[in-house]
Amino acid sequence: MKQKQSQIWGSHLENKPYEQNVLFCAGRDVQELPMADELLLPFDIWTNRAHCIMLQRQGLIPTEILGSILAGLSQLEKLVETGEFSLDPAKEDVHINVEAFVTETQGAEAGGRMHIGRSRNDQSACDMRLYLRRVGLNLFGSVKNLADALLVQAEKHTESVMPGFTHYQPAMITTWGHWLCAYVQGLCRDLERFAFALSQINRNPLGAAAAFGTSWPIDRQLTTELLAFAKVDSNTLDCIVSRWENESQLAHAGAMLMNHLSIVAQDLIFLSHPYSGFIRIDDAFVTGSSIMPQKKNPDFAEVIKSKASLAHGFLTSLLGIQKGGLSGYNRDTQVTKYLIMDLIRECESAPVILQGVFESLSVNTEKMKKQCETGFMNSVDIADHLARTLDLPFRECYHLLARAVKLSEPETKITTAALQKTLAEFGHPTEIAEDLAEFHNPRKILEQRQHKGSPSPQQTCLQIEELSEQLNLLSAPLADLQKNILAAQETCRNYAIK
């Protein structure tokens, strides 16, 4: 008996649709959005732990009160992890919900002292930086994994010749390996942008209070260590005024990433089209039609292109919200939380989906090679050869080849007879036309391009090595940051009260 499927399409597919891809394409049509502050619950618990440990270390709350607070926060954390705790909208936000829970379970003496030396302003700014750091690191990891997967494929296809395009028209010969390396080089810049955004995000605003500090003798360096921030964000006013800025930095990196991924997506649509047939997307990543049972649609690629546009809109809104605002806290900035969360929610799966697509992609190397022998794609290489051999200006050879192309039609590659006739018309020796054989071999053509970054197999192999090294160098500092974060979380979670 045939297994029942959740979607109406796909009966003709060889592989079962990848569930994450189905959800990615369906989007918000069938998925609920969580409360924004629900996403901040783990971070608010951590912020509270760090702040209250600092208060006790500074002698601002008794040891037994800290014990009660930490016990209440641990109890809440377990309920959050098991899905047994929900935010009460009547309590306005995550901060008051957490404080109320500790008060209800541990008493007013404990809950009532949690807010010493801070405001919801710096508490929210701190929670958001912890959230931004987490999602930024996750995105960095997903993009790094995609880049690694692309390099694996590039290494297999350093000699897989294919047409290159300009204006969607056949242009010059390249390789699939070189094409994939181009994606990775762009992704390396995206990783640099994420790393820079994280370096700005990873600074401690806690202790700024409502923007103008506090009379309590707090230790901001201690909370910086307990929260695994790199440094204290010193000026208390700027800590609050800059709340939109951290969201915008990450959004900019995300929007640039989505632009790159949208180019990749369009390439996949074009190259996998049945009329080109250079590549085939695995059935696990296509979707179908409700009326046409034969369809295999690259919906994920079309969705990525639309999500790139969404990311642009979110970024533009983030940049505009604080523009011209008075220094200090303004409620306008509350909306920045929703915008960055929406951007992350819409875009975070894109590199994961693409990784799966490329790892399962089928490449028709024979068809790629065959198409390299059409469309006069060796014209530039022949013009270069004539310019060198006859010591002629390149522009003259350009016009010479344009004439040879015209005389060769309706053939799809330059003929010896057409080139001989053209050379004679231009007053040059015709014997050189006999050397055309090697220019009809796509691999021989690529062998002549030996400068750094070219599509020749040798240079592509060097690019793969360099890009792999660059990826490792970019990743090392963030791997260290991740270790510091885990250690700081454990310190706060298992803090030994002295």
Protein backbone atom coordinates (compact mmCIF):
# COMPACT_ATOMS: atom_id res chain seq x y z
CA MET A 1 0.00 0.00 0.00
CA LYS A 2 1.35 3.41 -0.97
CA GLN A 3 2.38 5.62 1.94
CA LYS A 4 0.12 8.62 2.43
CA GLN A 5 1.79 11.96 1.73
CA SER A 6 0.97 15.28 3.35
CA GLN A 7 1.01 17.32 0.12
CA ILE A 8 -1.18 16.61 -2.91
CA TRP A 9 1.73 16.70 -5.37
CA GLY A 10 4.81 14.49 -5.66
CA SER A 11 3.43 11.13 -6.77
CA HIS A 12 5.87 11.12 -9.71
CA LEU A 13 8.96 12.02 -7.66
CA GLU A 14 11.70 9.47 -7.05
CA ASN A 15 12.69 10.88 -3.65
CA LYS A 16 10.43 11.99 -0.82
CA PRO A 17 10.25 15.79 -0.50
CA TYR A 18 12.62 17.22 2.12
CA GLU A 19 10.30 18.38 4.89
CA GLN A 20 12.32 21.49 5.79
CA ASN A 21 12.17 22.58 2.16
CA VAL A 22 8.38 22.10 2.07
CA LEU A 23 8.03 24.28 5.18
CA PHE A 24 10.49 26.84 3.80
CA CYS A 25 8.41 27.22 0.66
CA ALA A 26 5.07 27.23 2.53
CA GLY A 27 6.32 29.89 4.94
CA ARG A 28 3.81 31.75 7.07
CA ASP A 29 0.89 30.25 5.13
CA VAL A 30 0.78 27.39 7.63
CA GLN A 31 3.14 28.40 10.45
CA GLU A 32 2.36 30.50 13.50
CA LEU A 33 4.68 33.23 14.69
CA PRO A 34 5.88 33.08 18.30
CA MET A 35 5.67 36.07 20.63
CA ALA A 36 8.77 38.21 20.17
CA ASP A 37 9.58 38.15 23.89
CA GLU A 38 9.10 34.39 23.96
CA LEU A 39 12.29 34.18 21.91
CA LEU A 40 14.04 36.31 24.53
CA LEU A 41 13.08 34.15 27.54
CA PRO A 42 16.34 32.13 27.67
CA PHE A 43 18.37 35.30 27.34
CA ASP A 44 16.39 37.18 29.98
CA ILE A 45 16.95 34.32 32.41
CA TRP A 46 20.70 34.50 31.70
CA THR A 47 20.74 38.30 32.06
CA ASN A 48 18.94 38.02 35.40
CA ARG A 49 21.38 35.39 36.66
CA ALA A 50 24.40 37.48 35.74
CA HIS A 51 22.95 40.69 37.18
CA CYS A 52 21.89 39.11 40.47
CA ILE A 53 25.21 37.26 40.90
CA MET A 54 26.90 40.64 40.47
CA LEU A 55 24.57 42.24 43.04
CA GLN A 56 25.45 39.58 45.60
CA ARG A 57 29.18 39.85 44.87
CA GLN A 58 28.91 43.60 45.39
CA GLY A 59 27.12 43.09 48.71
CA LEU A 60 23.91 44.62 47.39
CA ILE A 61 21.70 41.58 48.07
CA PRO A 62 22.14 38.88 50.74
CA THR A 63 23.53 35.45 49.81
CA GLU A 64 20.31 33.67 50.73
CA ILE A 65 18.30 36.02 48.50
CA LEU A 66 20.60 35.22 45.58
CA GLY A 67 20.04 31.54 46.27
CA SER A 68 16.28 32.02 46.10
CA ILE A 69 16.52 34.05 42.90
CA LEU A 70 18.74 31.49 41.18
CA ALA A 71 16.45 28.66 42.30
CA GLY A 72 13.44 30.46 40.84
CA LEU A 73 15.27 31.13 37.57
CA SER A 74 16.33 27.48 37.29
CA GLN A 75 12.75 26.37 37.89
CA LEU A 76 11.55 28.77 35.20
CA GLU A 77 14.24 27.62 32.77
CA LYS A 78 13.09 24.01 33.06
CA LEU A 79 9.50 25.01 32.41
CA VAL A 80 10.56 27.03 29.36
CA GLU A 81 12.58 24.10 27.97
CA THR A 82 9.64 21.72 28.33
CA GLY A 83 7.15 24.19 26.88
CA GLU A 84 5.20 24.46 30.14
CA PHE A 85 5.61 28.22 30.58
CA SER A 86 3.84 30.90 28.59
CA LEU A 87 4.19 34.64 28.81
CA ASP A 88 1.24 36.45 30.37
CA PRO A 89 0.33 39.40 28.10
CA ALA A 90 -1.13 41.19 31.12
CA LYS A 91 2.41 41.46 32.50
CA GLU A 92 3.45 43.46 29.42
CA ASP A 93 6.86 41.94 28.58
CA VAL A 94 9.35 39.16 29.26
CA HIS A 95 11.14 41.10 32.01
CA ILE A 96 8.10 41.56 34.22
CA ASN A 97 6.96 37.99 33.54
CA VAL A 98 10.29 36.62 34.78
CA GLU A 99 10.38 38.89 37.82
CA ALA A 100 6.77 37.96 38.64
CA PHE A 101 7.56 34.24 38.40
CA VAL A 102 10.45 34.56 40.85
CA THR A 103 8.27 36.63 43.16
CA GLU A 104 5.43 34.10 43.04
CA THR A 105 7.66 31.07 43.61
CA GLN A 106 10.38 32.51 45.87
CA GLY A 107 8.64 35.42 47.58
CA ALA A 108 8.64 39.21 47.30
CA GLU A 109 11.96 39.52 49.15
CA ALA A 110 13.68 37.68 46.30
CA GLY A 111 11.72 38.91 43.31
CA GLY A 112 11.57 42.47 44.57
CA ARG A 113 15.36 42.84 44.69
CA MET A 114 16.09 41.64 41.15
CA HIS A 115 15.65 45.09 39.64
CA ILE A 116 18.24 46.86 41.79
CA GLY A 117 20.57 49.00 39.67
CA ARG A 118 18.93 48.53 36.29
CA SER A 119 16.02 49.45 34.04
CA ARG A 120 14.05 47.50 31.51
CA ASN A 121 15.92 49.65 28.98
CA ASP A 122 19.34 48.14 29.59
CA GLN A 123 17.80 44.75 30.38
CA SER A 124 16.06 44.68 26.99
CA ALA A 125 19.17 45.97 25.21
CA CYS A 126 21.19 43.19 26.86
CA ASP A 127 18.66 40.47 26.02
CA MET A 128 18.60 41.61 22.40
CA ARG A 129 22.37 41.58 22.11
CA LEU A 130 22.46 38.04 23.46
CA TYR A 131 19.74 37.06 20.97
CA LEU A 132 21.51 38.81 18.08
CA ARG A 133 24.77 37.14 19.01
CA ARG A 134 23.12 33.72 19.05
CA VAL A 135 21.33 34.08 15.69
CA GLY A 136 24.38 35.77 14.16
CA LEU A 137 26.57 32.84 15.15
CA ASN A 138 23.97 30.39 13.83
CA LEU A 139 23.81 32.20 10.50
CA PHE A 140 27.60 32.34 10.32
CA GLY A 141 27.71 28.58 10.86
CA SER A 142 25.07 27.89 8.19
CA VAL A 143 26.86 30.05 5.63
CA LYS A 144 30.21 28.42 6.47
CA ASN A 145 28.64 24.97 5.99
CA LEU A 146 27.21 26.03 2.63
CA ALA A 147 30.59 27.37 1.53
CA ASP A 148 32.31 24.14 2.58
CA ALA A 149 29.76 22.09 0.63
CA LEU A 150 30.30 24.25 -2.46
CA LEU A 151 34.07 23.76 -2.29
CA VAL A 152 33.60 19.98 -2.11
CA GLN A 153 31.58 20.16 -5.33
CA ALA A 154 34.03 22.62 -6.93
CA GLU A 155 36.89 20.20 -6.35
CA LYS A 156 35.00 17.54 -8.32
CA HIS A 157 34.36 19.88 -11.25
CA THR A 158 37.60 21.79 -11.89
CA GLU A 159 37.61 20.34 -15.42
CA SER A 160 33.84 20.34 -16.05
CA VAL A 161 33.74 22.90 -18.85
CA MET A 162 30.57 24.88 -19.42
CA PRO A 163 29.37 28.07 -21.09
CA GLY A 164 29.69 31.33 -19.22
CA PHE A 165 27.00 33.95 -19.82
CA THR A 166 26.59 37.68 -20.09
CA HIS A 167 23.12 39.16 -20.67
CA TYR A 168 21.85 35.55 -20.36
CA GLN A 169 23.62 34.84 -23.68
CA PRO A 170 26.55 32.44 -24.28
CA ALA A 171 29.76 34.41 -23.74
CA MET A 172 33.00 32.53 -22.92
CA ILE A 173 34.00 29.10 -21.73
CA THR A 174 34.42 28.47 -18.01
CA THR A 175 34.02 25.51 -15.62
CA TRP A 176 31.41 24.54 -13.06
CA GLY A 177 34.18 24.43 -10.45
CA HIS A 178 35.17 28.02 -11.19
CA TRP A 179 31.51 29.06 -11.05
CA LEU A 180 31.11 27.47 -7.59
CA CYS A 181 34.28 29.17 -6.36
CA ALA A 182 32.70 32.50 -7.30
CA TYR A 183 29.83 31.72 -4.93
CA VAL A 184 32.25 30.90 -2.13
CA GLN A 185 34.28 34.07 -2.60
CA GLY A 186 31.06 36.08 -2.16
CA LEU A 187 30.07 34.02 0.88
CA CYS A 188 33.46 34.74 2.45
CA ARG A 189 32.62 38.45 2.29
CA ASP A 190 29.28 37.67 3.90
CA LEU A 191 31.09 35.85 6.70
CA GLU A 192 33.35 38.86 7.19
CA ARG A 193 30.26 41.06 7.49
CA PHE A 194 28.67 38.71 10.04
CA ALA A 195 31.93 38.60 12.00
CA PHE A 196 32.10 42.42 12.02
CA ALA A 197 28.46 42.72 13.08
CA LEU A 198 29.09 40.24 15.90
CA SER A 199 32.14 42.19 17.06
CA GLN A 200 29.95 45.28 17.48
CA ILE A 201 27.05 43.39 19.04
CA ASN A 202 29.27 41.56 21.53
CA ARG A 203 29.56 44.46 24.01
CA ASN A 204 27.79 44.72 27.34
CA PRO A 205 25.07 47.40 27.75
CA LEU A 206 23.87 46.05 31.12
CA GLY A 207 24.28 48.66 33.83
CA ALA A 208 23.32 51.58 31.64
CA ALA A 209 19.94 51.55 33.44
CA ALA A 210 17.54 54.00 31.78
CA ALA A 211 20.48 55.56 29.87
CA PHE A 212 21.99 57.64 32.66
CA GLY A 213 23.52 55.11 35.02
CA THR A 214 22.65 54.26 38.63
CA SER A 215 23.69 55.25 42.16
CA TRP A 216 24.17 51.57 43.10
CA PRO A 217 27.85 50.45 43.09
CA ILE A 218 27.47 47.88 40.32
CA ASP A 219 30.32 45.98 38.63
CA ARG A 220 29.78 46.09 34.87
CA GLN A 221 33.01 44.22 34.16
CA LEU A 222 31.75 41.23 36.14
CA THR A 223 28.48 41.01 34.20
CA THR A 224 30.50 41.35 31.01
CA GLU A 225 32.42 38.20 31.95
CA LEU A 226 29.31 36.34 33.12
CA LEU A 227 27.59 37.05 29.80
CA ALA A 228 30.68 36.31 27.64
CA PHE A 229 30.74 39.80 26.14
CA ALA A 230 34.07 40.99 24.77
CA LYS A 231 33.97 44.34 26.58
CA VAL A 232 31.80 46.84 28.42
CA ASP A 233 29.93 49.23 26.15
CA SER A 234 30.99 52.16 28.27
CA ASN A 235 28.85 55.26 27.79
CA THR A 236 25.46 54.55 29.34
CA LEU A 237 23.52 56.90 27.08
CA ASP A 238 24.93 55.42 23.89
CA CYS A 239 24.12 51.91 25.16
CA ILE A 240 20.43 52.78 24.95
CA VAL A 241 20.43 55.11 21.94
CA SER A 242 22.24 52.50 19.80
CA ARG A 243 19.65 49.77 20.24
CA TRP A 244 18.57 49.98 16.57
CA GLU A 245 22.17 49.95 15.38
CA ASN A 246 23.05 46.40 16.38
CA GLU A 247 19.90 45.09 14.73
CA SER A 248 20.76 47.06 11.59
CA GLN A 249 24.33 45.76 11.47
CA LEU A 250 23.12 42.17 11.51
CA ALA A 251 20.28 42.97 9.11
CA HIS A 252 22.77 44.49 6.66
CA ALA A 253 24.89 41.34 6.73
CA GLY A 254 21.72 39.28 6.29
CA ALA A 255 20.44 41.38 3.39
CA MET A 256 23.79 41.17 1.59
CA LEU A 257 23.83 37.41 2.13
CA MET A 258 20.32 37.09 0.71
CA ASN A 259 21.36 39.09 -2.35
CA HIS A 260 24.14 36.60 -2.97
CA LEU A 261 21.82 33.66 -2.38
CA SER A 262 19.22 35.14 -4.73
CA ILE A 263 21.86 35.17 -7.50
CA VAL A 264 22.63 31.53 -6.73
CA ALA A 265 18.90 30.81 -6.80
CA GLN A 266 18.42 32.40 -10.22
CA ASP A 267 21.42 30.47 -11.55
CA LEU A 268 19.88 27.22 -10.36
CA ILE A 269 16.56 28.07 -12.03
CA PHE A 270 18.27 28.91 -15.32
CA LEU A 271 20.79 26.07 -15.41
CA SER A 272 18.26 23.42 -14.35
CA HIS A 273 15.60 24.46 -16.85
CA PRO A 274 14.74 21.49 -19.12
CA TYR A 275 15.70 23.56 -22.17
CA SER A 276 19.25 24.02 -20.83
CA GLY A 277 19.53 20.87 -18.73
CA PHE A 278 23.00 21.53 -17.39
CA ILE A 279 22.06 20.48 -13.86
CA ARG A 280 19.21 18.59 -12.22
CA ILE A 281 17.83 19.49 -8.82
CA ASP A 282 17.13 16.43 -6.70
CA ASP A 283 13.47 15.52 -6.29
CA ALA A 284 13.77 16.10 -2.54
CA PHE A 285 14.07 19.84 -3.20
CA VAL A 286 11.43 20.40 -5.88
CA THR A 287 7.74 21.01 -5.40
CA GLY A 288 4.76 20.23 -7.61
CA SER A 289 1.52 21.55 -9.01
CA SER A 290 -2.06 21.09 -7.88
CA ILE A 291 -3.19 20.69 -11.49
CA MET A 292 -0.18 19.62 -13.61
CA PRO A 293 1.00 16.24 -12.32
CA GLN A 294 4.29 16.31 -14.26
CA LYS A 295 5.69 19.50 -12.73
CA LYS A 296 8.98 19.75 -10.84
CA ASN A 297 9.30 23.32 -9.67
CA PRO A 298 12.37 24.98 -8.06
CA ASP A 299 10.14 26.80 -5.57
CA PHE A 300 12.91 27.11 -2.98
CA ALA A 301 14.90 29.27 -5.42
CA GLU A 302 11.97 31.55 -6.16
CA VAL A 303 11.24 31.87 -2.44
CA ILE A 304 14.86 32.80 -1.74
CA LYS A 305 14.62 35.60 -4.30
CA SER A 306 11.49 36.99 -2.68
CA LYS A 307 12.98 36.71 0.81
CA ALA A 308 15.95 38.76 -0.37
CA SER A 309 13.52 41.55 -1.14
CA LEU A 310 11.93 41.13 2.31
CA ALA A 311 15.36 41.47 3.90
CA HIS A 312 15.91 44.76 2.04
CA GLY A 313 12.62 46.09 3.41
CA PHE A 314 13.41 45.09 6.98
CA LEU A 315 16.84 46.72 6.74
CA THR A 316 15.40 49.95 5.34
CA SER A 317 12.86 50.10 8.18
CA LEU A 318 15.55 49.47 10.79
CA LEU A 319 17.68 52.29 9.40
CA GLY A 320 14.76 54.69 9.50
CA ILE A 321 13.31 54.08 12.95
CA GLN A 322 15.87 55.94 15.07
CA LYS A 323 16.68 58.57 12.44
CA GLY A 324 16.37 61.98 14.06
CA GLY A 325 15.33 60.60 17.46
CA LEU A 326 16.24 62.49 20.62
CA SER A 327 19.12 60.91 22.57
CA GLY A 328 17.74 58.66 25.28
CA TYR A 329 15.16 55.89 25.18
CA ASN A 330 12.29 56.23 22.73
CA ARG A 331 9.57 53.60 22.38
CA ASP A 332 10.11 53.69 18.61
CA THR A 333 13.01 51.29 19.04
CA GLN A 334 10.75 48.52 20.35
CA VAL A 335 9.77 47.84 16.74
CA THR A 336 13.40 47.10 15.82
CA LYS A 337 13.02 43.85 17.77
CA TYR A 338 10.20 42.68 15.51
CA LEU A 339 11.98 43.67 12.31
CA ILE A 340 15.20 41.80 12.99
CA MET A 341 13.33 38.76 14.29
CA ASP A 342 11.21 38.72 11.14
CA LEU A 343 14.29 38.99 8.96
CA ILE A 344 16.01 36.11 10.76
CA ARG A 345 12.87 33.96 10.66
CA GLU A 346 12.39 34.51 6.94
CA CYS A 347 16.01 34.02 5.90
CA GLU A 348 17.80 31.68 8.31
CA SER A 349 16.87 28.47 6.47
CA ALA A 350 18.02 29.70 3.04
CA PRO A 351 21.69 28.65 3.32
CA VAL A 352 20.66 25.34 4.90
CA ILE A 353 18.29 24.55 2.01
CA LEU A 354 20.92 25.51 -0.56
CA GLN A 355 23.50 23.30 1.10
CA GLY A 356 21.17 20.33 0.67
CA VAL A 357 20.46 21.30 -2.93
CA PHE A 358 24.13 21.43 -3.90
CA GLU A 359 25.05 18.26 -2.03
CA SER A 360 22.41 16.33 -4.00
CA LEU A 361 22.77 18.18 -7.33
CA SER A 362 23.30 16.21 -10.57
CA VAL A 363 25.61 17.84 -13.14
CA ASN A 364 25.32 16.97 -16.84
CA THR A 365 28.97 17.52 -17.78
CA GLU A 366 28.55 16.12 -21.28
CA LYS A 367 25.77 18.54 -22.16
CA MET A 368 27.79 21.42 -20.69
CA LYS A 369 30.78 20.46 -22.82
CA LYS A 370 28.69 20.07 -25.96
CA GLN A 371 27.23 23.57 -25.54
CA CYS A 372 30.76 24.99 -25.21
CA GLU A 373 31.27 24.05 -28.86
CA THR A 374 28.41 26.26 -30.01
CA GLY A 375 27.66 29.97 -29.91
CA PHE A 376 31.16 31.01 -31.08
CA MET A 377 32.34 31.07 -27.47
CA ASN A 378 35.96 30.66 -28.53
CA SER A 379 35.91 33.98 -30.43
CA VAL A 380 37.74 36.02 -27.79
CA ASP A 381 40.43 33.39 -27.42
CA ILE A 382 41.03 33.29 -31.18
CA ALA A 383 41.14 37.10 -31.31
CA ASP A 384 43.72 37.10 -28.50
CA HIS A 385 45.75 34.46 -30.37
CA LEU A 386 45.76 36.49 -33.58
CA ALA A 387 46.73 39.67 -31.74
CA ARG A 388 49.73 37.91 -30.20
CA THR A 389 50.77 35.93 -33.26
CA LEU A 390 50.40 38.70 -35.86
CA ASP A 391 51.37 41.51 -33.44
CA LEU A 392 48.12 43.36 -34.17
CA PRO A 393 46.00 45.71 -32.03
CA PHE A 394 43.34 43.70 -30.22
CA ARG A 395 40.58 45.93 -31.62
CA GLU A 396 41.53 45.02 -35.19
CA CYS A 397 41.41 41.33 -34.27
CA TYR A 398 38.05 41.90 -32.59
CA HIS A 399 36.61 43.22 -35.86
CA LEU A 400 38.32 40.42 -37.77
CA LEU A 401 36.63 37.79 -35.59
CA ALA A 402 33.28 39.55 -35.84
CA ARG A 403 33.54 39.19 -39.62
CA ALA A 404 34.61 35.54 -39.29
CA VAL A 405 31.59 34.83 -37.10
CA LYS A 406 29.30 36.32 -39.72
CA LEU A 407 30.89 34.28 -42.50
CA SER A 408 30.72 31.07 -40.42
CA GLU A 409 26.95 31.24 -39.88
CA PRO A 410 24.77 29.17 -39.87
CA GLU A 411 27.52 27.02 -38.31
CA THR A 412 27.80 27.51 -34.54
CA LYS A 413 31.60 27.68 -34.42
CA ILE A 414 34.15 29.54 -36.50
CA THR A 415 35.17 27.59 -39.58
CA THR A 416 38.67 27.50 -41.03
CA ALA A 417 37.36 28.68 -44.39
CA ALA A 418 35.61 31.70 -42.83
CA LEU A 419 38.71 32.70 -40.89
CA GLN A 420 40.95 32.30 -43.98
CA LYS A 421 38.64 34.49 -46.05
CA THR A 422 38.52 37.12 -43.32
CA LEU A 423 42.31 37.18 -42.92
CA ALA A 424 42.65 37.65 -46.67
CA GLU A 425 40.12 40.51 -46.61
CA PHE A 426 42.09 42.21 -43.83
CA GLY A 427 45.37 41.69 -45.70
CA HIS A 428 46.94 39.12 -43.35
CA PRO A 429 48.50 35.69 -43.97
CA THR A 430 45.88 32.96 -44.16
CA GLU A 431 48.02 30.04 -42.99
CA ILE A 432 47.40 30.85 -39.33
CA ALA A 433 43.79 29.73 -39.78
CA GLU A 434 45.09 26.16 -39.86
CA ASP A 435 45.85 26.45 -36.08
CA LEU A 436 42.17 26.50 -35.18
CA ALA A 437 41.96 22.89 -34.00
CA GLU A 438 43.07 23.55 -30.43
CA PHE A 439 40.60 26.44 -30.17
CA HIS A 440 37.73 24.02 -30.73
CA ASN A 441 38.74 22.09 -27.61
CA PRO A 442 37.22 23.83 -24.56
CA ARG A 443 39.75 22.34 -22.15
CA LYS A 444 42.67 23.49 -24.32
CA ILE A 445 41.22 27.00 -24.33
CA LEU A 446 41.07 27.06 -20.54
CA GLU A 447 44.66 25.84 -20.27
CA GLN A 448 45.74 29.13 -21.80
CA ARG A 449 44.19 31.17 -18.98
CA GLN A 450 46.80 30.77 -16.27
CA HIS A 451 46.53 34.06 -14.41
CA LYS A 452 45.38 34.09 -10.79
CA GLY A 453 41.64 33.58 -10.39
CA SER A 454 41.03 32.24 -13.89
CA PRO A 455 38.85 29.20 -14.73
CA SER A 456 41.80 26.98 -15.72
CA PRO A 457 41.78 23.73 -13.71
CA GLN A 458 45.12 24.56 -12.11
CA GLN A 459 44.06 28.03 -11.02
CA THR A 460 40.68 26.77 -9.82
CA CYS A 461 42.46 24.22 -7.61
CA LEU A 462 44.52 27.06 -6.13
CA GLN A 463 41.35 29.06 -5.54
CA ILE A 464 39.80 26.12 -3.69
CA GLU A 465 42.85 25.89 -1.42
CA GLU A 466 42.88 29.64 -0.74
CA LEU A 467 39.13 29.82 -0.11
CA SER A 468 39.26 26.82 2.23
CA GLU A 469 42.05 28.48 4.21
CA GLN A 470 40.11 31.75 4.30
CA LEU A 471 37.02 29.98 5.64
CA ASN A 472 39.04 28.38 8.43
CA LEU A 473 40.65 31.71 9.36
CA LEU A 474 37.27 33.44 9.47
CA SER A 475 35.75 30.67 11.58
CA ALA A 476 38.45 30.30 14.25
CA PRO A 477 37.64 33.45 16.31
CA LEU A 478 33.93 32.67 16.32
CA ALA A 479 34.57 29.10 17.41
CA ASP A 480 36.45 30.56 20.39
CA LEU A 481 33.55 32.92 21.07
CA GLN A 482 31.13 30.00 21.05
CA LYS A 483 33.27 28.18 23.63
CA ASN A 484 33.33 31.31 25.83
CA ILE A 485 29.56 31.61 25.60
CA LEU A 486 28.97 28.01 26.65
CA ALA A 487 31.42 28.37 29.55
CA ALA A 488 29.79 31.60 30.76
CA GLN A 489 26.31 30.06 30.56
CA GLU A 490 27.45 27.10 32.66
CA THR A 491 29.09 29.41 35.19
CA CYS A 492 25.84 31.32 35.68
CA ARG A 493 23.67 28.20 35.62
CA ASN A 494 25.79 26.34 38.18
CA TYR A 495 27.02 29.30 40.17
CA ALA A 496 28.40 28.28 43.56
CA ILE A 497 27.15 30.81 46.09
CA LYS A 498 29.90 31.95 48.46
